[in-house]
Amino acid sequence: MKLFILANPQAGSQGAQSLIQEISDTYPQLVPTIFLTMGVDDEYSQIQAILAEFEPDQDALLILGGDGTLSKALTALPENIPFAYFPTGSGNDFARALAIKDIRQVMEALIEKRTTPITVLQSNFGVVVNSLDLGFAAQVISYSEGSRTKRWLKTVGLGKLAYLLFGLRSLFGQSPLSVQVELDGEQMRLDRLFFLSLANNPYFGGGIMIWPDASPFQAQLHLVWFATGSLFYRITALLEMIFHRHKSSKIIQHCMAKEVTVIADEVIAIQIDGEVVEAREIVLNCQERRMYR
């Protein structure tokens, strides 16, 4: 078996290189072939380079990076090819949901070719492994992208403080959004929203819970939202999410579907696994993948 490793050396605390060395030292029989991402969105071309050499019946793929690295890699990877994953990013919500903590367990499953079916979301933007968010969460990430404040805080070890600062800015300054939603063929109108998330993972934002029953082991898409309301209303809803009071909340709304289409009244920012795109229409459905686990 030939082991291909796709790694993002810049993800999180930049621990991918040392992890590759550990794998090479611990499993010398595998002789890994390393592909490193060299910039934004380079996952797509690196996966294509891997596929040019990859023998599906013999070889195995390990992905090292954050949630964004994983979602982009899976977008380029054919859905019939299984993969292994270990987190080296900052948020690591996908790994949190699947309790991926030990590289040895990941490697044992890979060597034994032991796979588990999981569900990801296929969108018109590519694969989503955690959530696709509109409104508050998307605005926070949008503010942080390219921010010199965020870069400075990261250099002094306070990177997560940036999200708190941008969260406060979004809390006071975000315009409400209105969307038309189609859930498994049923139409629904949602007006003046502050928060809207479509997820099959319980977490986003480095451990904040979207919905307690969301799971990558179930082929269900969870839609979670709440309206703009007053400042007190918005703060109450966010605190209920932080303290896991989703089901008892009178503010947070929830439903499930297999396929969802969302059409906004205008082009808006959309957060996908820590990355931001701008669009007006979103199409999502559940897709099965197999993962070494």
C-alpha atoms as a PDB file:
ATOM      1  CA  MET A   1       0.000   0.000   0.000  1.00  0.00           C
ATOM      2  CA  LYS A   2       1.189   3.489  -0.888  1.00  0.00           C
ATOM      3  CA  LEU A   3       0.188   6.277   1.499  1.00  0.00           C
ATOM      4  CA  PHE A   4      -0.578   9.678   0.015  1.00  0.00           C
ATOM      5  CA  ILE A   5      -0.679  12.586   2.464  1.00  0.00           C
ATOM      6  CA  LEU A   6      -2.288  15.896   1.600  1.00  0.00           C
ATOM      7  CA  ALA A   7      -1.303  18.471   4.224  1.00  0.00           C
ATOM      8  CA  ASN A   8      -1.846  22.165   4.782  1.00  0.00           C
ATOM      9  CA  PRO A   9       1.386  23.311   6.487  1.00  0.00           C
ATOM     10  CA  GLN A  10      -0.142  26.700   7.387  1.00  0.00           C
ATOM     11  CA  ALA A  11      -3.259  25.382   9.146  1.00  0.00           C
ATOM     12  CA  GLY A  12      -3.719  26.166  12.839  1.00  0.00           C
ATOM     13  CA  SER A  13      -0.461  26.080  14.778  1.00  0.00           C
ATOM     14  CA  GLN A  14       1.359  24.717  11.703  1.00  0.00           C
ATOM     15  CA  GLY A  15       1.744  21.233  13.154  1.00  0.00           C
ATOM     16  CA  ALA A  16       1.314  19.236   9.941  1.00  0.00           C
ATOM     17  CA  GLN A  17       5.040  18.909   9.197  1.00  0.00           C
ATOM     18  CA  SER A  18       5.912  17.444  12.599  1.00  0.00           C
ATOM     19  CA  LEU A  19       2.962  15.055  12.320  1.00  0.00           C
ATOM     20  CA  ILE A  20       4.183  13.874   8.913  1.00  0.00           C
ATOM     21  CA  GLN A  21       7.596  13.177  10.451  1.00  0.00           C
ATOM     22  CA  GLU A  22       5.963  11.236  13.286  1.00  0.00           C
ATOM     23  CA  ILE A  23       4.003   9.120  10.797  1.00  0.00           C
ATOM     24  CA  SER A  24       7.132   8.465   8.716  1.00  0.00           C
ATOM     25  CA  ASP A  25       9.082   7.386  11.811  1.00  0.00           C
ATOM     26  CA  THR A  26       6.305   5.220  13.265  1.00  0.00           C
ATOM     27  CA  TYR A  27       5.169   3.560  10.026  1.00  0.00           C
ATOM     28  CA  PRO A  28       8.293   3.262   7.827  1.00  0.00           C
ATOM     29  CA  GLN A  29       6.667   0.470   5.812  1.00  0.00           C
ATOM     30  CA  LEU A  30       4.220   2.960   4.282  1.00  0.00           C
ATOM     31  CA  VAL A  31       6.790   5.342   2.700  1.00  0.00           C
ATOM     32  CA  PRO A  32       4.375   8.283   2.439  1.00  0.00           C
ATOM     33  CA  THR A  33       4.192  10.512  -0.620  1.00  0.00           C
ATOM     34  CA  ILE A  34       3.630  14.081   0.559  1.00  0.00           C
ATOM     35  CA  PHE A  35       1.611  16.798  -1.163  1.00  0.00           C
ATOM     36  CA  LEU A  36       1.620  20.212   0.542  1.00  0.00           C
ATOM     37  CA  THR A  37      -0.828  23.000  -0.220  1.00  0.00           C
ATOM     38  CA  MET A  38       0.999  26.124  -1.332  1.00  0.00           C
ATOM     39  CA  GLY A  39      -1.738  28.739  -1.079  1.00  0.00           C
ATOM     40  CA  VAL A  40      -5.456  29.504  -1.011  1.00  0.00           C
ATOM     41  CA  ASP A  41      -7.589  26.813  -2.706  1.00  0.00           C
ATOM     42  CA  ASP A  42      -4.512  24.777  -3.694  1.00  0.00           C
ATOM     43  CA  GLU A  43      -6.242  21.677  -2.277  1.00  0.00           C
ATOM     44  CA  TYR A  44      -8.048  21.238  -5.593  1.00  0.00           C
ATOM     45  CA  SER A  45      -4.895  21.021  -7.720  1.00  0.00           C
ATOM     46  CA  GLN A  46      -3.052  18.912  -5.127  1.00  0.00           C
ATOM     47  CA  ILE A  47      -5.861  16.335  -5.094  1.00  0.00           C
ATOM     48  CA  GLN A  48      -5.745  16.206  -8.893  1.00  0.00           C
ATOM     49  CA  ALA A  49      -1.995  15.565  -8.697  1.00  0.00           C
ATOM     50  CA  ILE A  50      -2.596  12.774  -6.177  1.00  0.00           C
ATOM     51  CA  LEU A  51      -5.282  11.179  -8.355  1.00  0.00           C
ATOM     52  CA  ALA A  52      -2.843  11.041 -11.276  1.00  0.00           C
ATOM     53  CA  GLU A  53      -0.781   8.505  -9.287  1.00  0.00           C
ATOM     54  CA  PHE A  54      -3.409   7.017  -6.968  1.00  0.00           C
ATOM     55  CA  GLU A  55      -4.437   3.348  -7.285  1.00  0.00           C
ATOM     56  CA  PRO A  56      -7.812   3.081  -5.488  1.00  0.00           C
ATOM     57  CA  ASP A  57      -7.567  -0.675  -4.923  1.00  0.00           C
ATOM     58  CA  GLN A  58      -4.143  -0.430  -3.289  1.00  0.00           C
ATOM     59  CA  ASP A  59      -3.399   3.066  -1.997  1.00  0.00           C
ATOM     60  CA  ALA A  60      -4.748   5.214   0.841  1.00  0.00           C
ATOM     61  CA  LEU A  61      -5.191   8.952   1.378  1.00  0.00           C
ATOM     62  CA  LEU A  62      -4.635  10.881   4.616  1.00  0.00           C
ATOM     63  CA  ILE A  63      -5.657  14.546   4.879  1.00  0.00           C
ATOM     64  CA  LEU A  64      -3.989  16.818   7.460  1.00  0.00           C
ATOM     65  CA  GLY A  65      -5.353  20.312   8.011  1.00  0.00           C
ATOM     66  CA  GLY A  66      -8.337  22.246   9.250  1.00  0.00           C
ATOM     67  CA  ASP A  67     -11.999  22.009   8.336  1.00  0.00           C
ATOM     68  CA  GLY A  68     -11.513  24.220   5.280  1.00  0.00           C
ATOM     69  CA  THR A  69      -8.688  22.027   3.987  1.00  0.00           C
ATOM     70  CA  LEU A  70     -10.866  18.944   4.410  1.00  0.00           C
ATOM     71  CA  SER A  71     -13.941  20.361   2.680  1.00  0.00           C
ATOM     72  CA  LYS A  72     -11.922  21.568  -0.318  1.00  0.00           C
ATOM     73  CA  ALA A  73     -10.059  18.254  -0.576  1.00  0.00           C
ATOM     74  CA  LEU A  74     -13.325  16.293  -0.527  1.00  0.00           C
ATOM     75  CA  THR A  75     -14.785  18.601  -3.165  1.00  0.00           C
ATOM     76  CA  ALA A  76     -12.008  17.490  -5.525  1.00  0.00           C
ATOM     77  CA  LEU A  77     -11.894  13.854  -4.352  1.00  0.00           C
ATOM     78  CA  PRO A  78     -14.292  11.384  -6.045  1.00  0.00           C
ATOM     79  CA  GLU A  79     -16.911  10.275  -3.533  1.00  0.00           C
ATOM     80  CA  ASN A  80     -16.099   6.565  -3.994  1.00  0.00           C
ATOM     81  CA  ILE A  81     -12.536   6.986  -2.647  1.00  0.00           C
ATOM     82  CA  PRO A  82     -12.266   6.621   1.158  1.00  0.00           C
ATOM     83  CA  PHE A  83     -10.068   8.967   3.157  1.00  0.00           C
ATOM     84  CA  ALA A  84      -8.429   9.337   6.557  1.00  0.00           C
ATOM     85  CA  TYR A  85      -8.293  12.657   8.373  1.00  0.00           C
ATOM     86  CA  PHE A  86      -6.471  14.158  11.323  1.00  0.00           C
ATOM     87  CA  PRO A  87      -6.959  17.770  12.429  1.00  0.00           C
ATOM     88  CA  THR A  88      -4.169  20.338  12.476  1.00  0.00           C
ATOM     89  CA  GLY A  89      -6.373  23.427  12.145  1.00  0.00           C
ATOM     90  CA  SER A  90      -7.681  25.902  14.698  1.00  0.00           C
ATOM     91  CA  GLY A  91     -11.431  25.178  14.903  1.00  0.00           C
ATOM     92  CA  ASN A  92     -11.406  21.447  14.120  1.00  0.00           C
ATOM     93  CA  ASP A  93     -15.178  21.046  14.486  1.00  0.00           C
ATOM     94  CA  PHE A  94     -15.320  18.035  12.172  1.00  0.00           C
ATOM     95  CA  ALA A  95     -12.778  16.185  14.325  1.00  0.00           C
ATOM     96  CA  ARG A  96     -14.659  17.257  17.461  1.00  0.00           C
ATOM     97  CA  ALA A  97     -17.901  15.740  16.140  1.00  0.00           C
ATOM     98  CA  LEU A  98     -16.187  12.451  15.244  1.00  0.00           C
ATOM     99  CA  ALA A  99     -13.950  12.369  18.355  1.00  0.00           C
ATOM    100  CA  ILE A 100     -10.754  12.181  16.265  1.00  0.00           C
ATOM    101  CA  LYS A 101      -8.001  12.646  18.844  1.00  0.00           C
ATOM    102  CA  ASP A 102      -5.330   9.981  18.309  1.00  0.00           C
ATOM    103  CA  ILE A 103      -3.287   9.709  15.106  1.00  0.00           C
ATOM    104  CA  ARG A 104      -2.457   6.105  15.996  1.00  0.00           C
ATOM    105  CA  GLN A 105      -6.115   5.109  15.830  1.00  0.00           C
ATOM    106  CA  VAL A 106      -6.448   6.858  12.484  1.00  0.00           C
ATOM    107  CA  MET A 107      -3.396   5.061  11.100  1.00  0.00           C
ATOM    108  CA  GLU A 108      -4.525   1.665  12.409  1.00  0.00           C
ATOM    109  CA  ALA A 109      -7.869   2.041  10.638  1.00  0.00           C
ATOM    110  CA  LEU A 110      -6.096   3.123   7.450  1.00  0.00           C
ATOM    111  CA  ILE A 111      -3.645   0.208   7.500  1.00  0.00           C
ATOM    112  CA  GLU A 112      -6.465  -2.260   8.178  1.00  0.00           C
ATOM    113  CA  LYS A 113      -8.621  -0.604   5.473  1.00  0.00           C
ATOM    114  CA  ARG A 114     -11.398  -0.216   8.071  1.00  0.00           C
ATOM    115  CA  THR A 115     -13.931   2.360   6.915  1.00  0.00           C
ATOM    116  CA  THR A 116     -17.087   3.916   8.335  1.00  0.00           C
ATOM    117  CA  PRO A 117     -19.823   5.634   6.316  1.00  0.00           C
ATOM    118  CA  ILE A 118     -20.372   9.300   7.149  1.00  0.00           C
ATOM    119  CA  THR A 119     -22.560  12.036   5.714  1.00  0.00           C
ATOM    120  CA  VAL A 120     -21.275  15.299   4.317  1.00  0.00           C
ATOM    121  CA  LEU A 121     -23.287  17.979   2.554  1.00  0.00           C
ATOM    122  CA  GLN A 122     -22.931  18.494  -1.183  1.00  0.00           C
ATOM    123  CA  SER A 123     -23.578  22.092  -2.216  1.00  0.00           C
ATOM    124  CA  ASN A 124     -23.373  24.185  -5.355  1.00  0.00           C
ATOM    125  CA  PHE A 125     -20.101  25.484  -3.869  1.00  0.00           C
ATOM    126  CA  GLY A 126     -18.620  22.052  -3.116  1.00  0.00           C
ATOM    127  CA  VAL A 127     -18.545  19.777  -0.081  1.00  0.00           C
ATOM    128  CA  VAL A 128     -19.546  21.070   3.363  1.00  0.00           C
ATOM    129  CA  VAL A 129     -18.237  19.009   6.308  1.00  0.00           C
ATOM    130  CA  ASN A 130     -19.626  21.101   9.179  1.00  0.00           C
ATOM    131  CA  SER A 131     -22.048  23.865   8.311  1.00  0.00           C
ATOM    132  CA  LEU A 132     -23.042  26.481   5.822  1.00  0.00           C
ATOM    133  CA  ASP A 133     -24.037  29.696   7.597  1.00  0.00           C
ATOM    134  CA  LEU A 134     -25.764  32.928   6.681  1.00  0.00           C
ATOM    135  CA  GLY A 135     -26.179  36.034   8.782  1.00  0.00           C
ATOM    136  CA  PHE A 136     -24.228  36.406  12.020  1.00  0.00           C
ATOM    137  CA  ALA A 137     -21.682  33.567  11.654  1.00  0.00           C
ATOM    138  CA  ALA A 138     -20.928  34.453   8.032  1.00  0.00           C
ATOM    139  CA  GLN A 139     -20.486  38.117   8.924  1.00  0.00           C
ATOM    140  CA  VAL A 140     -18.010  37.310  11.709  1.00  0.00           C
ATOM    141  CA  ILE A 141     -15.807  35.295   9.335  1.00  0.00           C
ATOM    142  CA  SER A 142     -16.208  37.897   6.596  1.00  0.00           C
ATOM    143  CA  TYR A 143     -14.987  40.661   8.927  1.00  0.00           C
ATOM    144  CA  SER A 144     -12.012  38.545  10.016  1.00  0.00           C
ATOM    145  CA  GLU A 145     -10.762  37.660   6.523  1.00  0.00           C
ATOM    146  CA  GLY A 146      -7.701  39.724   5.718  1.00  0.00           C
ATOM    147  CA  SER A 147      -7.958  41.605   9.003  1.00  0.00           C
ATOM    148  CA  ARG A 148      -4.672  42.998  10.315  1.00  0.00           C
ATOM    149  CA  THR A 149      -6.146  42.850  13.822  1.00  0.00           C
ATOM    150  CA  LYS A 150      -6.705  39.107  13.474  1.00  0.00           C
ATOM    151  CA  ARG A 151      -3.190  38.547  12.113  1.00  0.00           C
ATOM    152  CA  TRP A 152      -1.635  40.516  14.969  1.00  0.00           C
ATOM    153  CA  LEU A 153      -3.668  38.698  17.637  1.00  0.00           C
ATOM    154  CA  LYS A 154      -2.692  35.360  16.076  1.00  0.00           C
ATOM    155  CA  THR A 155       1.015  36.224  16.276  1.00  0.00           C
ATOM    156  CA  VAL A 156       0.702  36.871  20.024  1.00  0.00           C
ATOM    157  CA  GLY A 157      -1.330  33.703  20.636  1.00  0.00           C
ATOM    158  CA  LEU A 158      -4.730  35.398  20.953  1.00  0.00           C
ATOM    159  CA  GLY A 159      -6.250  34.441  17.606  1.00  0.00           C
ATOM    160  CA  LYS A 160      -9.609  33.427  19.070  1.00  0.00           C
ATOM    161  CA  LEU A 161     -10.009  36.871  20.623  1.00  0.00           C
ATOM    162  CA  ALA A 162     -10.366  38.238  17.091  1.00  0.00           C
ATOM    163  CA  TYR A 163     -13.578  36.261  16.607  1.00  0.00           C
ATOM    164  CA  LEU A 164     -14.975  37.691  19.841  1.00  0.00           C
ATOM    165  CA  LEU A 165     -14.224  41.225  18.654  1.00  0.00           C
ATOM    166  CA  PHE A 166     -15.754  40.626  15.235  1.00  0.00           C
ATOM    167  CA  GLY A 167     -18.685  38.865  16.896  1.00  0.00           C
ATOM    168  CA  LEU A 168     -19.429  42.002  18.912  1.00  0.00           C
ATOM    169  CA  ARG A 169     -19.192  44.087  15.759  1.00  0.00           C
ATOM    170  CA  SER A 170     -21.651  41.773  13.966  1.00  0.00           C
ATOM    171  CA  LEU A 171     -23.985  41.736  16.961  1.00  0.00           C
ATOM    172  CA  PHE A 172     -24.484  45.494  16.689  1.00  0.00           C
ATOM    173  CA  GLY A 173     -23.951  46.139  12.999  1.00  0.00           C
ATOM    174  CA  GLN A 174     -25.445  43.304  10.947  1.00  0.00           C
ATOM    175  CA  SER A 175     -28.389  43.932   8.631  1.00  0.00           C
ATOM    176  CA  PRO A 176     -31.235  41.369   8.793  1.00  0.00           C
ATOM    177  CA  LEU A 177     -31.609  38.955   5.879  1.00  0.00           C
ATOM    178  CA  SER A 178     -34.685  37.376   4.282  1.00  0.00           C
ATOM    179  CA  VAL A 179     -34.744  34.090   2.358  1.00  0.00           C
ATOM    180  CA  GLN A 180     -37.064  31.699   0.555  1.00  0.00           C
ATOM    181  CA  VAL A 181     -36.381  28.100   1.614  1.00  0.00           C
ATOM    182  CA  GLU A 182     -37.389  24.830  -0.048  1.00  0.00           C
ATOM    183  CA  LEU A 183     -37.184  21.798   2.278  1.00  0.00           C
ATOM    184  CA  ASP A 184     -37.692  18.461   0.491  1.00  0.00           C
ATOM    185  CA  GLY A 185     -40.081  20.214  -1.901  1.00  0.00           C
ATOM    186  CA  GLU A 186     -41.938  22.251   0.749  1.00  0.00           C
ATOM    187  CA  GLN A 187     -41.706  26.050   0.580  1.00  0.00           C
ATOM    188  CA  MET A 188     -41.036  28.293   3.588  1.00  0.00           C
ATOM    189  CA  ARG A 189     -40.404  32.026   3.882  1.00  0.00           C
ATOM    190  CA  LEU A 190     -38.037  33.331   6.580  1.00  0.00           C
ATOM    191  CA  ASP A 191     -37.871  37.097   7.051  1.00  0.00           C
ATOM    192  CA  ARG A 192     -35.581  39.412   9.028  1.00  0.00           C
ATOM    193  CA  LEU A 193     -33.155  36.720  10.175  1.00  0.00           C
ATOM    194  CA  PHE A 194     -30.103  37.333  12.328  1.00  0.00           C
ATOM    195  CA  PHE A 195     -28.797  33.746  12.201  1.00  0.00           C
ATOM    196  CA  LEU A 196     -29.288  30.841   9.785  1.00  0.00           C
ATOM    197  CA  SER A 197     -27.237  27.639   9.733  1.00  0.00           C
ATOM    198  CA  LEU A 198     -27.526  24.490   7.623  1.00  0.00           C
ATOM    199  CA  ALA A 199     -25.509  21.689   9.177  1.00  0.00           C
ATOM    200  CA  ASN A 200     -24.958  17.978   9.657  1.00  0.00           C
ATOM    201  CA  ASN A 201     -22.407  18.550  12.417  1.00  0.00           C
ATOM    202  CA  PRO A 202     -23.326  19.673  15.940  1.00  0.00           C
ATOM    203  CA  TYR A 203     -20.489  22.230  16.111  1.00  0.00           C
ATOM    204  CA  PHE A 204     -19.109  25.304  14.426  1.00  0.00           C
ATOM    205  CA  GLY A 205     -16.825  28.181  15.408  1.00  0.00           C
ATOM    206  CA  GLY A 206     -14.402  26.006  17.383  1.00  0.00           C
ATOM    207  CA  GLY A 207     -16.925  24.137  19.538  1.00  0.00           C
ATOM    208  CA  ILE A 208     -20.099  26.252  19.636  1.00  0.00           C
ATOM    209  CA  MET A 209     -23.090  23.942  19.310  1.00  0.00           C
ATOM    210  CA  ILE A 210     -25.405  24.473  16.329  1.00  0.00           C
ATOM    211  CA  TRP A 211     -27.862  21.716  17.193  1.00  0.00           C
ATOM    212  CA  PRO A 212     -27.311  18.856  19.684  1.00  0.00           C
ATOM    213  CA  ASP A 213     -28.753  16.083  17.483  1.00  0.00           C
ATOM    214  CA  ALA A 214     -26.874  16.977  14.304  1.00  0.00           C
ATOM    215  CA  SER A 215     -24.522  14.138  13.372  1.00  0.00           C
ATOM    216  CA  PRO A 216     -22.261  13.191  10.454  1.00  0.00           C
ATOM    217  CA  PHE A 217     -23.460   9.615  11.008  1.00  0.00           C
ATOM    218  CA  GLN A 218     -27.024  10.508   9.966  1.00  0.00           C
ATOM    219  CA  ALA A 219     -28.190  11.503   6.489  1.00  0.00           C
ATOM    220  CA  GLN A 220     -30.060  14.532   7.802  1.00  0.00           C
ATOM    221  CA  LEU A 221     -29.556  18.223   7.199  1.00  0.00           C
ATOM    222  CA  HIS A 222     -30.430  20.464  10.147  1.00  0.00           C
ATOM    223  CA  LEU A 223     -31.754  23.976   9.575  1.00  0.00           C
ATOM    224  CA  VAL A 224     -31.334  26.273  12.612  1.00  0.00           C
ATOM    225  CA  TRP A 225     -32.346  29.935  12.693  1.00  0.00           C
ATOM    226  CA  PHE A 226     -33.579  32.879  14.711  1.00  0.00           C
ATOM    227  CA  ALA A 227     -34.844  36.350  13.841  1.00  0.00           C
ATOM    228  CA  THR A 228     -33.164  39.712  14.379  1.00  0.00           C
ATOM    229  CA  GLY A 229     -35.371  41.065  17.171  1.00  0.00           C
ATOM    230  CA  SER A 230     -33.937  43.432  19.757  1.00  0.00           C
ATOM    231  CA  LEU A 231     -30.337  43.436  20.967  1.00  0.00           C
ATOM    232  CA  PHE A 232     -31.458  41.617  24.127  1.00  0.00           C
ATOM    233  CA  TYR A 233     -33.271  39.041  21.959  1.00  0.00           C
ATOM    234  CA  ARG A 234     -30.130  38.378  19.889  1.00  0.00           C
ATOM    235  CA  ILE A 235     -27.861  38.110  22.925  1.00  0.00           C
ATOM    236  CA  THR A 236     -30.327  35.723  24.599  1.00  0.00           C
ATOM    237  CA  ALA A 237     -30.378  33.453  21.537  1.00  0.00           C
ATOM    238  CA  LEU A 238     -26.583  33.358  21.268  1.00  0.00           C
ATOM    239  CA  LEU A 239     -26.236  32.580  24.980  1.00  0.00           C
ATOM    240  CA  GLU A 240     -28.771  29.766  24.631  1.00  0.00           C
ATOM    241  CA  MET A 241     -26.594  28.290  21.883  1.00  0.00           C
ATOM    242  CA  ILE A 242     -23.415  28.648  23.934  1.00  0.00           C
ATOM    243  CA  PHE A 243     -25.020  27.007  26.994  1.00  0.00           C
ATOM    244  CA  HIS A 244     -26.720  24.238  24.971  1.00  0.00           C
ATOM    245  CA  ARG A 245     -30.306  25.326  25.624  1.00  0.00           C
ATOM    246  CA  HIS A 246     -31.395  24.872  22.023  1.00  0.00           C
ATOM    247  CA  LYS A 247     -34.344  22.560  22.636  1.00  0.00           C
ATOM    248  CA  SER A 248     -35.830  24.581  25.497  1.00  0.00           C
ATOM    249  CA  SER A 249     -35.376  27.894  23.684  1.00  0.00           C
ATOM    250  CA  LYS A 250     -38.412  29.856  22.527  1.00  0.00           C
ATOM    251  CA  ILE A 251     -36.216  31.848  20.155  1.00  0.00           C
ATOM    252  CA  ILE A 252     -34.105  29.252  18.321  1.00  0.00           C
ATOM    253  CA  GLN A 253     -36.026  27.469  15.542  1.00  0.00           C
ATOM    254  CA  HIS A 254     -35.146  24.114  13.977  1.00  0.00           C
ATOM    255  CA  CYS A 255     -36.235  21.647  11.297  1.00  0.00           C
ATOM    256  CA  MET A 256     -34.667  18.820   9.254  1.00  0.00           C
ATOM    257  CA  ALA A 257     -34.559  17.796   5.598  1.00  0.00           C
ATOM    258  CA  LYS A 258     -32.614  15.735   3.067  1.00  0.00           C
ATOM    259  CA  GLU A 259     -32.444  18.461   0.421  1.00  0.00           C
ATOM    260  CA  VAL A 260     -32.567  22.229   0.890  1.00  0.00           C
ATOM    261  CA  THR A 261     -32.553  25.197  -1.462  1.00  0.00           C
ATOM    262  CA  VAL A 262     -32.150  28.713  -0.050  1.00  0.00           C
ATOM    263  CA  ILE A 263     -32.660  31.840  -2.156  1.00  0.00           C
ATOM    264  CA  ALA A 264     -31.822  35.166  -0.539  1.00  0.00           C
ATOM    265  CA  ASP A 265     -33.382  38.455  -1.568  1.00  0.00           C
ATOM    266  CA  GLU A 266     -29.917  39.735  -2.494  1.00  0.00           C
ATOM    267  CA  VAL A 267     -26.312  38.555  -2.759  1.00  0.00           C
ATOM    268  CA  ILE A 268     -25.030  37.812   0.751  1.00  0.00           C
ATOM    269  CA  ALA A 269     -21.948  36.474   2.543  1.00  0.00           C
ATOM    270  CA  ILE A 270     -22.020  32.708   3.145  1.00  0.00           C
ATOM    271  CA  GLN A 271     -19.670  30.914   5.545  1.00  0.00           C
ATOM    272  CA  ILE A 272     -18.631  27.369   4.549  1.00  0.00           C
ATOM    273  CA  ASP A 273     -16.348  25.530   6.985  1.00  0.00           C
ATOM    274  CA  GLY A 274     -14.517  28.729   7.897  1.00  0.00           C
ATOM    275  CA  GLU A 275     -14.340  30.133   4.355  1.00  0.00           C
ATOM    276  CA  VAL A 276     -16.542  32.903   2.923  1.00  0.00           C
ATOM    277  CA  VAL A 277     -18.193  33.123  -0.501  1.00  0.00           C
ATOM    278  CA  GLU A 278     -20.838  35.511  -1.797  1.00  0.00           C
ATOM    279  CA  ALA A 279     -23.969  34.292  -3.568  1.00  0.00           C
ATOM    280  CA  ARG A 280     -27.743  34.504  -3.620  1.00  0.00           C
ATOM    281  CA  GLU A 281     -28.735  30.835  -4.046  1.00  0.00           C
ATOM    282  CA  ILE A 282     -27.672  27.753  -2.090  1.00  0.00           C
ATOM    283  CA  VAL A 283     -28.489  24.133  -2.956  1.00  0.00           C
ATOM    284  CA  LEU A 284     -27.636  21.396  -0.433  1.00  0.00           C
ATOM    285  CA  ASN A 285     -28.163  17.651  -0.177  1.00  0.00           C
ATOM    286  CA  CYS A 286     -26.728  14.776   1.828  1.00  0.00           C
ATOM    287  CA  GLN A 287     -23.866  12.743   0.378  1.00  0.00           C
ATOM    288  CA  GLU A 288     -22.342   9.557   1.783  1.00  0.00           C
ATOM    289  CA  ARG A 289     -18.571   9.200   2.049  1.00  0.00           C
ATOM    290  CA  ARG A 290     -16.390   6.509   3.569  1.00  0.00           C
ATOM    291  CA  MET A 291     -13.732   7.369   6.106  1.00  0.00           C
ATOM    292  CA  TYR A 292     -10.946   5.311   7.681  1.00  0.00           C
ATOM    293  CA  ARG A 293     -11.979   5.233  11.312  1.00  0.00           C
END
